[in-house]
C-alpha atoms as a PDB file:
ATOM      1  CA  MET A   1      55.208  48.207 117.588  1.00  0.00           C
ATOM      2  CA  SER A   2      57.609  45.425 115.730  1.00  0.00           C
ATOM      3  CA  HIS A   3      61.064  45.250 116.911  1.00  0.00           C
ATOM      4  CA  LEU A   4      62.091  46.448 113.369  1.00  0.00           C
ATOM      5  CA  LYS A   5      60.487  49.510 113.649  1.00  0.00           C
ATOM      6  CA  ARG A   6      61.746  50.216 117.251  1.00  0.00           C
ATOM      7  CA  LEU A   7      65.420  49.722 115.869  1.00  0.00           C
ATOM      8  CA  ALA A   8      64.771  52.151 113.037  1.00  0.00           C
ATOM      9  CA  ILE A   9      63.488  54.913 115.369  1.00  0.00           C
ATOM     10  CA  ILE A  10      66.592  54.026 117.759  1.00  0.00           C
ATOM     11  CA  ALA A  11      68.908  54.417 114.784  1.00  0.00           C
ATOM     12  CA  GLY A  12      67.323  57.535 113.661  1.00  0.00           C
ATOM     13  CA  VAL A  13      67.618  58.967 116.735  1.00  0.00           C
ATOM     14  CA  VAL A  14      71.577  58.064 117.055  1.00  0.00           C
ATOM     15  CA  LEU A  15      72.023  59.482 113.562  1.00  0.00           C
ATOM     16  CA  ALA A  16      70.420  62.678 114.363  1.00  0.00           C
ATOM     17  CA  LEU A  17      72.404  62.814 117.658  1.00  0.00           C
ATOM     18  CA  ALA A  18      75.515  61.925 115.771  1.00  0.00           C
ATOM     19  CA  LEU A  19      75.038  64.734 113.265  1.00  0.00           C
ATOM     20  CA  PHE A  20      73.936  67.286 115.766  1.00  0.00           C
ATOM     21  CA  ILE A  21      77.095  66.471 117.886  1.00  0.00           C
ATOM     22  CA  ALA A  22      78.929  66.706 114.444  1.00  0.00           C
ATOM     23  CA  TYR A  23      77.619  69.878 113.303  1.00  0.00           C
ATOM     24  CA  GLU A  24      78.567  71.527 116.803  1.00  0.00           C
ATOM     25  CA  LEU A  25      81.797  70.256 116.633  1.00  0.00           C
ATOM     26  CA  PHE A  26      82.532  71.099 113.304  1.00  0.00           C
ATOM     27  CA  TRP A  27      80.284  73.320 111.567  1.00  0.00           C
ATOM     28  CA  ALA A  28      78.237  75.381 113.747  1.00  0.00           C
ATOM     29  CA  PRO A  29      79.221  79.154 113.317  1.00  0.00           C
ATOM     30  CA  ASN A  30      80.967  81.156 115.976  1.00  0.00           C
ATOM     31  CA  TRP A  31      79.522  84.429 116.474  1.00  0.00           C
ATOM     32  CA  PHE A  32      81.051  87.841 117.587  1.00  0.00           C
ATOM     33  CA  ASP A  33      81.409  91.388 116.952  1.00  0.00           C
ATOM     34  CA  GLY A  34      83.725  92.556 114.418  1.00  0.00           C
ATOM     35  CA  ASP A  35      87.140  90.726 113.156  1.00  0.00           C
ATOM     36  CA  ARG A  36      89.175  88.890 115.704  1.00  0.00           C
ATOM     37  CA  PHE A  37      93.297  88.703 115.706  1.00  0.00           C
ATOM     38  CA  ILE A  38      95.487  85.964 117.303  1.00  0.00           C
ATOM     39  CA  THR A  39      99.106  85.144 116.343  1.00  0.00           C
ATOM     40  CA  VAL A  40     100.793  81.426 116.568  1.00  0.00           C
ATOM     41  CA  SER A  41     104.227  81.883 117.053  1.00  0.00           C
ATOM     42  CA  LYS A  42     107.327  79.455 116.553  1.00  0.00           C
ATOM     43  CA  GLY A  43     107.149  76.683 119.272  1.00  0.00           C
ATOM     44  CA  GLU A  44     103.465  77.070 120.186  1.00  0.00           C
ATOM     45  CA  ASN A  45     101.321  74.057 120.549  1.00  0.00           C
ATOM     46  CA  PHE A  46      97.523  73.688 119.752  1.00  0.00           C
ATOM     47  CA  ARG A  47      96.695  74.100 123.361  1.00  0.00           C
ATOM     48  CA  GLN A  48      98.422  77.002 123.717  1.00  0.00           C
ATOM     49  CA  VAL A  49      96.334  78.367 119.855  1.00  0.00           C
ATOM     50  CA  ILE A  50      93.181  77.296 121.398  1.00  0.00           C
ATOM     51  CA  ASP A  51      93.938  79.001 124.844  1.00  0.00           C
ATOM     52  CA  SER A  52      94.091  82.246 122.305  1.00  0.00           C
ATOM     53  CA  LEU A  53      91.480  81.477 120.428  1.00  0.00           C
ATOM     54  CA  GLU A  54      89.238  81.337 123.736  1.00  0.00           C
ATOM     55  CA  THR A  55      90.678  84.144 125.531  1.00  0.00           C
ATOM     56  CA  ASN A  56      90.061  86.126 122.364  1.00  0.00           C
ATOM     57  CA  GLY A  57      86.425  85.346 122.261  1.00  0.00           C
ATOM     58  CA  ILE A  58      86.631  83.464 118.468  1.00  0.00           C
ATOM     59  CA  VAL A  59      85.049  80.144 119.453  1.00  0.00           C
ATOM     60  CA  ARG A  60      82.145  79.234 121.555  1.00  0.00           C
ATOM     61  CA  SER A  61      83.813  76.452 123.475  1.00  0.00           C
ATOM     62  CA  ARG A  62      87.408  75.406 123.835  1.00  0.00           C
ATOM     63  CA  VAL A  63      86.347  72.034 124.305  1.00  0.00           C
ATOM     64  CA  LEU A  64      84.650  71.702 121.064  1.00  0.00           C
ATOM     65  CA  ILE A  65      87.323  72.882 119.177  1.00  0.00           C
ATOM     66  CA  ASP A  66      89.765  70.993 121.022  1.00  0.00           C
ATOM     67  CA  ILE A  67      87.676  67.712 120.244  1.00  0.00           C
ATOM     68  CA  ALA A  68      87.366  68.681 116.507  1.00  0.00           C
ATOM     69  CA  GLY A  69      90.990  69.259 116.080  1.00  0.00           C
ATOM     70  CA  ARG A  70      92.005  66.361 117.757  1.00  0.00           C
ATOM     71  CA  ILE A  71      89.388  64.136 115.243  1.00  0.00           C
ATOM     72  CA  SER A  72      90.429  65.765 112.235  1.00  0.00           C
ATOM     73  CA  GLY A  73      94.128  65.433 113.029  1.00  0.00           C
ATOM     74  CA  TYR A  74      94.836  69.178 113.263  1.00  0.00           C
ATOM     75  CA  THR A  75      96.562  69.696 116.120  1.00  0.00           C
ATOM     76  CA  THR A  76     100.199  68.950 114.929  1.00  0.00           C
ATOM     77  CA  LYS A  77     100.580  71.189 112.029  1.00  0.00           C
ATOM     78  CA  MET A  78      99.807  74.801 112.643  1.00  0.00           C
ATOM     79  CA  GLN A  79     101.195  77.821 110.320  1.00  0.00           C
ATOM     80  CA  ILE A  80     102.787  80.524 112.348  1.00  0.00           C
ATOM     81  CA  GLY A  81     101.188  83.901 111.638  1.00  0.00           C
ATOM     82  CA  LYS A  82      98.811  86.737 112.575  1.00  0.00           C
ATOM     83  CA  TYR A  83      95.253  85.638 111.495  1.00  0.00           C
ATOM     84  CA  ARG A  84      92.090  87.370 111.411  1.00  0.00           C
ATOM     85  CA  PHE A  85      88.821  85.418 111.974  1.00  0.00           C
ATOM     86  CA  LYS A  86      85.459  86.599 110.882  1.00  0.00           C
ATOM     87  CA  SER A  87      82.363  86.173 112.695  1.00  0.00           C
ATOM     88  CA  GLY A  88      80.426  82.891 111.589  1.00  0.00           C
ATOM     89  CA  MET A  89      83.441  80.924 111.154  1.00  0.00           C
ATOM     90  CA  SER A  90      83.093  77.307 112.012  1.00  0.00           C
ATOM     91  CA  ASN A  91      85.387  75.456 113.895  1.00  0.00           C
ATOM     92  CA  PHE A  92      86.380  73.487 110.864  1.00  0.00           C
ATOM     93  CA  GLU A  93      87.208  76.629 109.217  1.00  0.00           C
ATOM     94  CA  ILE A  94      89.270  77.693 111.832  1.00  0.00           C
ATOM     95  CA  LEU A  95      91.050  74.559 112.260  1.00  0.00           C
ATOM     96  CA  THR A  96      91.596  74.649 108.153  1.00  0.00           C
ATOM     97  CA  ASP A  97      92.850  78.094 108.418  1.00  0.00           C
ATOM     98  CA  LEU A  98      95.467  77.190 110.920  1.00  0.00           C
ATOM     99  CA  ARG A  99      96.692  74.279 109.201  1.00  0.00           C
ATOM    100  CA  GLN A 100      97.264  75.940 105.982  1.00  0.00           C
ATOM    101  CA  GLY A 101      97.676  79.594 106.476  1.00  0.00           C
ATOM    102  CA  SER A 102      95.254  80.867 104.219  1.00  0.00           C
ATOM    103  CA  THR A 103      94.267  83.937 105.976  1.00  0.00           C
ATOM    104  CA  ALA A 104      97.705  84.657 108.033  1.00  0.00           C
ATOM    105  CA  GLU A 105      97.956  88.520 107.534  1.00  0.00           C
ATOM    106  CA  LEU A 106     100.804  90.674 106.185  1.00  0.00           C
ATOM    107  CA  ILE A 107     101.885  93.017 109.084  1.00  0.00           C
ATOM    108  CA  ILE A 108     102.885  96.703 107.883  1.00  0.00           C
ATOM    109  CA  VAL A 109     106.035  97.740 109.583  1.00  0.00           C
ATOM    110  CA  THR A 110     107.486 101.616 109.260  1.00  0.00           C
ATOM    111  CA  VAL A 111     111.157 101.678 109.975  1.00  0.00           C
ATOM    112  CA  PRO A 112     111.691 105.539 110.425  1.00  0.00           C
ATOM    113  CA  PRO A 113     115.379 106.831 109.482  1.00  0.00           C
ATOM    114  CA  GLY A 114     118.187 107.610 111.996  1.00  0.00           C
ATOM    115  CA  LEU A 115     117.511 104.427 114.216  1.00  0.00           C
ATOM    116  CA  LYS A 116     120.113 102.515 115.845  1.00  0.00           C
ATOM    117  CA  PRO A 117     120.619  98.918 115.098  1.00  0.00           C
ATOM    118  CA  SER A 118     119.001  98.160 118.685  1.00  0.00           C
ATOM    119  CA  ARG A 119     116.064 100.410 118.489  1.00  0.00           C
ATOM    120  CA  LEU A 120     115.445  98.803 114.685  1.00  0.00           C
ATOM    121  CA  ALA A 121     115.716  95.265 116.331  1.00  0.00           C
ATOM    122  CA  HIS A 122     113.129  96.559 118.869  1.00  0.00           C
ATOM    123  CA  ILE A 123     110.746  97.825 116.449  1.00  0.00           C
ATOM    124  CA  LEU A 124     110.847  94.351 114.518  1.00  0.00           C
ATOM    125  CA  PHE A 125     110.270  92.389 117.825  1.00  0.00           C
ATOM    126  CA  LYS A 126     107.174  94.503 118.861  1.00  0.00           C
ATOM    127  CA  HIS A 127     105.515  94.152 115.440  1.00  0.00           C
ATOM    128  CA  LEU A 128     106.439  90.856 113.840  1.00  0.00           C
ATOM    129  CA  GLY A 129     107.799  88.908 117.315  1.00  0.00           C
ATOM    130  CA  ILE A 130     111.335  88.384 115.743  1.00  0.00           C
ATOM    131  CA  ASP A 131     114.147  87.364 117.937  1.00  0.00           C
ATOM    132  CA  SER A 132     115.656  90.901 118.199  1.00  0.00           C
ATOM    133  CA  ALA A 133     119.061  89.497 119.586  1.00  0.00           C
ATOM    134  CA  ARG A 134     119.200  87.506 116.594  1.00  0.00           C
ATOM    135  CA  PHE A 135     118.496  90.296 114.251  1.00  0.00           C
ATOM    136  CA  ALA A 136     121.033  92.555 116.013  1.00  0.00           C
ATOM    137  CA  GLN A 137     123.539  89.642 115.664  1.00  0.00           C
ATOM    138  CA  LEU A 138     122.978  89.138 111.950  1.00  0.00           C
ATOM    139  CA  VAL A 139     123.551  93.122 111.576  1.00  0.00           C
ATOM    140  CA  ASN A 140     127.278  92.541 112.727  1.00  0.00           C
ATOM    141  CA  ASP A 141     127.728  89.246 110.967  1.00  0.00           C
ATOM    142  CA  THR A 142     130.388  89.923 108.629  1.00  0.00           C
ATOM    143  CA  SER A 143     129.960  86.919 106.422  1.00  0.00           C
ATOM    144  CA  PHE A 144     126.353  87.575 106.049  1.00  0.00           C
ATOM    145  CA  VAL A 145     127.169  91.177 105.402  1.00  0.00           C
ATOM    146  CA  HIS A 146     129.212  90.265 102.595  1.00  0.00           C
ATOM    147  CA  HIS A 147     126.984  87.426 101.475  1.00  0.00           C
ATOM    148  CA  LEU A 148     124.514  90.286 100.631  1.00  0.00           C
ATOM    149  CA  GLY A 149     127.030  92.036  98.719  1.00  0.00           C
ATOM    150  CA  ILE A 150     127.557  95.095 101.080  1.00  0.00           C
ATOM    151  CA  PRO A 151     131.081  96.364 101.136  1.00  0.00           C
ATOM    152  CA  ALA A 152     131.157  97.014 104.837  1.00  0.00           C
ATOM    153  CA  ASN A 153     131.560  94.853 107.876  1.00  0.00           C
ATOM    154  CA  SER A 154     128.171  95.682 109.074  1.00  0.00           C
ATOM    155  CA  LEU A 155     124.637  96.464 108.026  1.00  0.00           C
ATOM    156  CA  ILE A 156     124.352  99.714 109.613  1.00  0.00           C
ATOM    157  CA  GLY A 157     123.689 102.167 107.164  1.00  0.00           C
ATOM    158  CA  TYR A 158     122.065  99.393 104.622  1.00  0.00           C
ATOM    159  CA  LEU A 159     118.956  98.582 106.384  1.00  0.00           C
ATOM    160  CA  THR A 160     116.601 100.990 104.519  1.00  0.00           C
ATOM    161  CA  PRO A 161     113.932 103.186 106.335  1.00  0.00           C
ATOM    162  CA  MET A 162     110.804 102.481 104.648  1.00  0.00           C
ATOM    163  CA  THR A 163     107.337 100.919 105.080  1.00  0.00           C
ATOM    164  CA  TYR A 164     107.381  97.351 104.876  1.00  0.00           C
ATOM    165  CA  LYS A 165     104.931  94.145 104.881  1.00  0.00           C
ATOM    166  CA  PHE A 166     106.137  91.070 106.216  1.00  0.00           C
ATOM    167  CA  TYR A 167     104.321  87.991 107.634  1.00  0.00           C
ATOM    168  CA  TRP A 168     104.409  87.506 111.371  1.00  0.00           C
ATOM    169  CA  GLN A 169     107.794  85.875 112.685  1.00  0.00           C
ATOM    170  CA  THR A 170     109.197  85.914 109.173  1.00  0.00           C
ATOM    171  CA  ASP A 171     112.815  84.574 109.484  1.00  0.00           C
ATOM    172  CA  GLU A 172     115.530  87.337 110.844  1.00  0.00           C
ATOM    173  CA  GLU A 173     117.826  86.721 107.736  1.00  0.00           C
ATOM    174  CA  ASN A 174     114.703  87.284 105.422  1.00  0.00           C
ATOM    175  CA  ILE A 175     113.915  90.518 106.689  1.00  0.00           C
ATOM    176  CA  ALA A 176     117.485  91.846 106.710  1.00  0.00           C
ATOM    177  CA  LYS A 177     117.589  90.683 103.159  1.00  0.00           C
ATOM    178  CA  ASP A 178     114.618  92.569 102.181  1.00  0.00           C
ATOM    179  CA  LEU A 179     115.848  95.652 103.968  1.00  0.00           C
ATOM    180  CA  VAL A 180     119.445  95.126 102.186  1.00  0.00           C
ATOM    181  CA  ALA A 181     117.350  94.926  98.698  1.00  0.00           C
ATOM    182  CA  GLN A 182     115.414  97.991  99.326  1.00  0.00           C
ATOM    183  CA  PHE A 183     118.881  99.951  99.690  1.00  0.00           C
ATOM    184  CA  TRP A 184     120.100  98.759  96.166  1.00  0.00           C
ATOM    185  CA  ASN A 185     116.825 100.179  95.053  1.00  0.00           C
ATOM    186  CA  VAL A 186     117.485 103.588  96.719  1.00  0.00           C
ATOM    187  CA  PHE A 187     121.396 103.783  96.312  1.00  0.00           C
ATOM    188  CA  ASP A 188     120.799 103.085  92.608  1.00  0.00           C
ATOM    189  CA  SER A 189     123.445 103.421  89.601  1.00  0.00           C
ATOM    190  CA  SER A 190     123.162 107.272  89.156  1.00  0.00           C
ATOM    191  CA  LEU A 191     123.922 107.617  92.868  1.00  0.00           C
ATOM    192  CA  ARG A 192     126.856 105.117  92.655  1.00  0.00           C
ATOM    193  CA  ALA A 193     128.081 107.110  89.685  1.00  0.00           C
ATOM    194  CA  ALA A 194     128.063 110.509  91.624  1.00  0.00           C
ATOM    195  CA  CYS A 195     130.031 108.936  94.673  1.00  0.00           C
ATOM    196  CA  SER A 196     132.651 107.798  91.952  1.00  0.00           C
ATOM    197  CA  ALA A 197     132.658 111.216  90.510  1.00  0.00           C
ATOM    198  CA  ARG A 198     133.280 113.070  93.883  1.00  0.00           C
ATOM    199  CA  GLY A 199     135.933 110.600  94.698  1.00  0.00           C
ATOM    200  CA  LEU A 200     133.965 109.164  97.892  1.00  0.00           C
ATOM    201  CA  THR A 201     133.274 105.692  98.600  1.00  0.00           C
ATOM    202  CA  MET A 202     129.545 104.592  99.243  1.00  0.00           C
ATOM    203  CA  ASN A 203     130.493 103.895 102.892  1.00  0.00           C
ATOM    204  CA  ASP A 204     131.732 107.391 102.973  1.00  0.00           C
ATOM    205  CA  VAL A 205     128.685 108.733 101.807  1.00  0.00           C
ATOM    206  CA  LEU A 206     126.685 106.595 103.766  1.00  0.00           C
ATOM    207  CA  THR A 207     128.389 107.415 107.147  1.00  0.00           C
ATOM    208  CA  MET A 208     128.067 111.322 106.589  1.00  0.00           C
ATOM    209  CA  ALA A 209     124.266 111.153 105.762  1.00  0.00           C
ATOM    210  CA  SER A 210     124.037 109.056 108.771  1.00  0.00           C
ATOM    211  CA  ILE A 211     125.316 111.804 110.852  1.00  0.00           C
ATOM    212  CA  VAL A 212     123.117 114.738 108.807  1.00  0.00           C
ATOM    213  CA  GLU A 213     120.069 112.321 109.505  1.00  0.00           C
ATOM    214  CA  ASN A 214     120.417 112.519 113.147  1.00  0.00           C
ATOM    215  CA  GLU A 215     121.293 116.332 113.275  1.00  0.00           C
ATOM    216  CA  THR A 216     118.137 117.962 111.517  1.00  0.00           C
ATOM    217  CA  SER A 217     114.975 116.796 110.313  1.00  0.00           C
ATOM    218  CA  ILE A 218     114.349 119.714 108.162  1.00  0.00           C
ATOM    219  CA  ASP A 219     115.161 118.921 104.464  1.00  0.00           C
ATOM    220  CA  SER A 220     116.030 122.430 103.521  1.00  0.00           C
ATOM    221  CA  GLU A 221     119.071 122.269 106.141  1.00  0.00           C
ATOM    222  CA  ARG A 222     120.384 118.576 105.388  1.00  0.00           C
ATOM    223  CA  ALA A 223     122.764 120.008 102.540  1.00  0.00           C
ATOM    224  CA  ILE A 224     123.776 123.036 104.336  1.00  0.00           C
ATOM    225  CA  ILE A 225     124.930 120.911 107.473  1.00  0.00           C
ATOM    226  CA  ALA A 226     126.591 118.145 105.100  1.00  0.00           C
ATOM    227  CA  GLY A 227     128.577 121.001 103.651  1.00  0.00           C
ATOM    228  CA  VAL A 228     129.823 122.233 107.185  1.00  0.00           C
ATOM    229  CA  TYR A 229     131.047 118.829 107.854  1.00  0.00           C
ATOM    230  CA  TYR A 230     132.943 118.512 104.727  1.00  0.00           C
ATOM    231  CA  ASN A 231     134.220 122.164 105.330  1.00  0.00           C
ATOM    232  CA  ARG A 232     135.712 120.780 108.522  1.00  0.00           C
ATOM    233  CA  LEU A 233     137.174 117.679 106.583  1.00  0.00           C
ATOM    234  CA  HIS A 234     138.805 119.616 104.222  1.00  0.00           C
ATOM    235  CA  LYS A 235     140.599 122.098 107.175  1.00  0.00           C
ATOM    236  CA  ASN A 236     141.698 118.944 109.037  1.00  0.00           C
ATOM    237  CA  MET A 237     139.042 120.153 111.850  1.00  0.00           C
ATOM    238  CA  ARG A 238     137.453 117.419 113.715  1.00  0.00           C
ATOM    239  CA  LEU A 239     133.664 116.819 112.951  1.00  0.00           C
ATOM    240  CA  GLN A 240     132.689 117.081 116.849  1.00  0.00           C
ATOM    241  CA  ALA A 241     129.218 115.664 115.937  1.00  0.00           C
ATOM    242  CA  ASP A 242     127.312 114.850 118.466  1.00  0.00           C
ATOM    243  CA  PRO A 243     125.259 112.165 116.989  1.00  0.00           C
ATOM    244  CA  THR A 244     128.646 109.928 116.581  1.00  0.00           C
ATOM    245  CA  VAL A 245     128.835 110.193 120.489  1.00  0.00           C
ATOM    246  CA  GLU A 246     125.404 109.067 121.073  1.00  0.00           C
ATOM    247  CA  PHE A 247     125.717 106.005 118.967  1.00  0.00           C
ATOM    248  CA  LEU A 248     127.745 104.711 121.743  1.00  0.00           C
ATOM    249  CA  LEU A 249     125.361 105.457 124.299  1.00  0.00           C
ATOM    250  CA  ASP A 250     123.548 102.468 126.227  1.00  0.00           C
ATOM    251  CA  ASP A 251     121.122 104.313 127.877  1.00  0.00           C
ATOM    252  CA  GLY A 252     120.257 106.999 125.256  1.00  0.00           C
ATOM    253  CA  PRO A 253     118.995 108.913 123.609  1.00  0.00           C
ATOM    254  CA  ARG A 254     119.619 111.357 126.198  1.00  0.00           C
ATOM    255  CA  LYS A 255     121.447 114.915 126.689  1.00  0.00           C
ATOM    256  CA  LEU A 256     124.987 114.340 126.345  1.00  0.00           C
ATOM    257  CA  ALA A 257     127.564 115.008 129.454  1.00  0.00           C
ATOM    258  CA  TYR A 258     131.064 116.546 128.804  1.00  0.00           C
ATOM    259  CA  SER A 259     132.283 113.345 130.402  1.00  0.00           C
ATOM    260  CA  ASP A 260     130.480 111.139 127.417  1.00  0.00           C
ATOM    261  CA  LEU A 261     133.045 113.317 124.772  1.00  0.00           C
ATOM    262  CA  ASP A 262     135.518 111.793 126.342  1.00  0.00           C
ATOM    263  CA  ARG A 263     134.682 108.341 125.445  1.00  0.00           C
ATOM    264  CA  GLU A 264     137.147 106.152 123.846  1.00  0.00           C
ATOM    265  CA  SER A 265     136.069 104.992 120.459  1.00  0.00           C
ATOM    266  CA  PRO A 266     136.649 105.571 116.621  1.00  0.00           C
ATOM    267  CA  TYR A 267     133.226 106.896 116.425  1.00  0.00           C
ATOM    268  CA  ASN A 268     133.657 109.611 118.884  1.00  0.00           C
ATOM    269  CA  THR A 269     134.585 112.450 116.473  1.00  0.00           C
ATOM    270  CA  TYR A 270     135.219 114.677 119.403  1.00  0.00           C
ATOM    271  CA  ARG A 271     138.619 112.490 120.046  1.00  0.00           C
ATOM    272  CA  HIS A 272     139.612 111.304 116.140  1.00  0.00           C
ATOM    273  CA  GLU A 273     139.695 113.333 113.113  1.00  0.00           C
ATOM    274  CA  GLY A 274     137.819 112.286 109.786  1.00  0.00           C
ATOM    275  CA  LEU A 275     134.819 110.308 109.498  1.00  0.00           C
ATOM    276  CA  PRO A 276     134.083 107.668 112.025  1.00  0.00           C
ATOM    277  CA  PRO A 277     134.719 104.011 110.316  1.00  0.00           C
ATOM    278  CA  GLY A 278     131.210 103.524 109.048  1.00  0.00           C
ATOM    279  CA  PRO A 279     127.496 104.945 109.490  1.00  0.00           C
ATOM    280  CA  ILE A 280     125.694 105.201 112.887  1.00  0.00           C
ATOM    281  CA  ASN A 281     122.356 104.543 111.324  1.00  0.00           C
ATOM    282  CA  SER A 282     120.373 104.053 108.309  1.00  0.00           C
ATOM    283  CA  PRO A 283     119.791 107.215 106.818  1.00  0.00           C
ATOM    284  CA  SER A 284     117.007 108.849 105.018  1.00  0.00           C
ATOM    285  CA  LYS A 285     117.208 109.266 100.838  1.00  0.00           C
ATOM    286  CA  ALA A 286     117.312 112.721 101.528  1.00  0.00           C
ATOM    287  CA  SER A 287     119.913 112.627 103.770  1.00  0.00           C
ATOM    288  CA  ILE A 288     122.077 110.692 101.318  1.00  0.00           C
ATOM    289  CA  ILE A 289     121.221 113.051  98.476  1.00  0.00           C
ATOM    290  CA  ALA A 290     122.456 115.980 100.274  1.00  0.00           C
ATOM    291  CA  SER A 291     126.049 114.126 101.544  1.00  0.00           C
ATOM    292  CA  LEU A 292     126.327 113.635  97.722  1.00  0.00           C
ATOM    293  CA  TYR A 293     125.297 116.941  96.755  1.00  0.00           C
ATOM    294  CA  PRO A 294     126.114 119.529  99.717  1.00  0.00           C
ATOM    295  CA  VAL A 295     125.731 123.042  99.720  1.00  0.00           C
ATOM    296  CA  HIS A 296     129.009 124.965  99.140  1.00  0.00           C
ATOM    297  CA  HIS A 297     129.528 127.627 101.570  1.00  0.00           C
ATOM    298  CA  LYS A 298     132.119 128.547 104.277  1.00  0.00           C
ATOM    299  CA  TYR A 299     130.303 127.498 107.568  1.00  0.00           C
ATOM    300  CA  LEU A 300     132.382 125.487 109.802  1.00  0.00           C
ATOM    301  CA  TYR A 301     129.792 125.423 113.015  1.00  0.00           C
ATOM    302  CA  PHE A 302     126.100 124.885 113.869  1.00  0.00           C
ATOM    303  CA  VAL A 303     123.920 125.411 116.644  1.00  0.00           C
ATOM    304  CA  ALA A 304     120.211 125.067 117.364  1.00  0.00           C
ATOM    305  CA  THR A 305     118.241 128.339 117.308  1.00  0.00           C
ATOM    306  CA  GLY A 306     115.561 127.085 120.119  1.00  0.00           C
ATOM    307  CA  TYR A 307     112.748 127.683 117.608  1.00  0.00           C
ATOM    308  CA  GLY A 308     113.433 124.580 115.407  1.00  0.00           C
ATOM    309  CA  GLY A 309     116.278 124.701 112.835  1.00  0.00           C
ATOM    310  CA  HIS A 310     119.835 125.582 113.320  1.00  0.00           C
ATOM    311  CA  ARG A 311     122.131 129.171 112.936  1.00  0.00           C
ATOM    312  CA  PHE A 312     125.181 128.585 110.873  1.00  0.00           C
ATOM    313  CA  SER A 313     128.523 130.526 111.371  1.00  0.00           C
ATOM    314  CA  ARG A 314     131.825 131.091 109.832  1.00  0.00           C
ATOM    315  CA  THR A 315     134.147 131.709 112.652  1.00  0.00           C
ATOM    316  CA  PHE A 316     134.109 130.532 116.398  1.00  0.00           C
ATOM    317  CA  GLY A 317     133.267 133.908 117.788  1.00  0.00           C
ATOM    318  CA  GLN A 318     130.314 133.861 115.696  1.00  0.00           C
ATOM    319  CA  HIS A 319     129.452 130.548 117.010  1.00  0.00           C
ATOM    320  CA  GLU A 320     129.968 131.171 120.453  1.00  0.00           C
ATOM    321  CA  LYS A 321     127.266 134.285 120.032  1.00  0.00           C
ATOM    322  CA  ALA A 322     124.966 131.813 118.614  1.00  0.00           C
ATOM    323  CA  ILE A 323     125.200 129.536 121.476  1.00  0.00           C
ATOM    324  CA  ARG A 324     124.611 132.272 124.007  1.00  0.00           C
ATOM    325  CA  GLN A 325     121.492 133.122 121.862  1.00  0.00           C
ATOM    326  CA  TYR A 326     120.149 129.609 121.948  1.00  0.00           C
ATOM    327  CA  ARG A 327     120.773 129.425 125.764  1.00  0.00           C
ATOM    328  CA  ARG A 328     118.889 132.755 126.288  1.00  0.00           C
ATOM    329  CA  VAL A 329     115.801 131.297 124.127  1.00  0.00           C
ATOM    330  CA  LYS A 330     116.112 128.218 126.005  1.00  0.00           C
ATOM    331  CA  GLU A 331     115.878 129.823 129.375  1.00  0.00           C
ATOM    332  CA  ALA A 332     113.031 132.171 128.267  1.00  0.00           C
ATOM    333  CA  GLN A 333     111.422 129.074 127.555  1.00  0.00           C
ATOM    334  CA  GLU A 334     111.871 127.430 130.633  1.00  0.00           C
ATOM    335  CA  GLU A 335     110.720 130.503 132.583  1.00  0.00           C
ATOM    336  CA  LEU A 336     107.406 130.512 130.464  1.00  0.00           C
ATOM    337  CA  LYS A 337     106.776 126.814 131.121  1.00  0.00           C
ATOM    338  CA  THR A 338     107.608 127.101 134.882  1.00  0.00           C
ATOM    339  CA  SER A 339     105.076 130.488 135.100  1.00  0.00           C
ATOM    340  CA  GLY A 340     102.453 128.502 133.139  1.00  0.00           C
ATOM    341  CA  SER A 341     102.559 125.653 135.394  1.00  0.00           C
ATOM    342  CA  LEU A 342     102.375 127.724 138.463  1.00  0.00           C
ATOM    343  CA  ASN A 343      99.476 129.378 136.905  1.00  0.00           C
END
């Protein structure tokens, strides 16, 4: 065999080996069952990301994708986000995806009505990986609140409950802006006109609606309960609304103790007359409508029936009777529960 032929064979083998290595590093498919997810968070480095890829069974070899990333220079720029990877993707496709953020997924987050800001911040942290402390701080940042056009000193009441779509670790400011933008869609010009017609401020209506929101989940009761509280306001009676005291609790939600009712705060409607200074949560549109258009009646009191819903009373004597009925129902339910557990 001639020297040239021998060199040609060696070159062919080296080329084939180089192509095989390049194929394994960059283009060989990574097979796995179903779709797999990882999240890339702010501050994570390339090593942490490929750890996640390996842990979630997305790559065949951590070493191979590490080398591929370093050769291609894709180790320094990665987009944060929640990623969905499909079986059969190559290392190069995965690295390109992470660099460009092309398949970063929108995350569905449902914000229910009636949440305290701390609870809302926790939900956003859980689903989106945001800084919950930063979000909570923005809620009470007066300059930020006014920048969004809110005529109040807090965003409480103005963070509209609904279902949203956000990317992983969207900036806390942008999340707050989106929730407030939806508020203006809900509290539109017709509702603002209704406020003016009734001689109420938007903050007054939202404050009443936030109390109603935490009193009942039954739509047919909302406007009746709003009517009860407006009746008490017109008679210069204290609202004595439990939700305003629950708002002050750091360890809630829980059953209120009598000592809770003595807490000194302008939000405690057991101690102070009139509406509290502002909303205690972000109410639903149903509670806002109920607070703008309450049912006109003569009820001044209400208490739970024990079966769902409330019993409404005009006099304190009727109210005391309703409370006794409620207690008998609860005692019967507890006895039934106890006897059932014994059996």
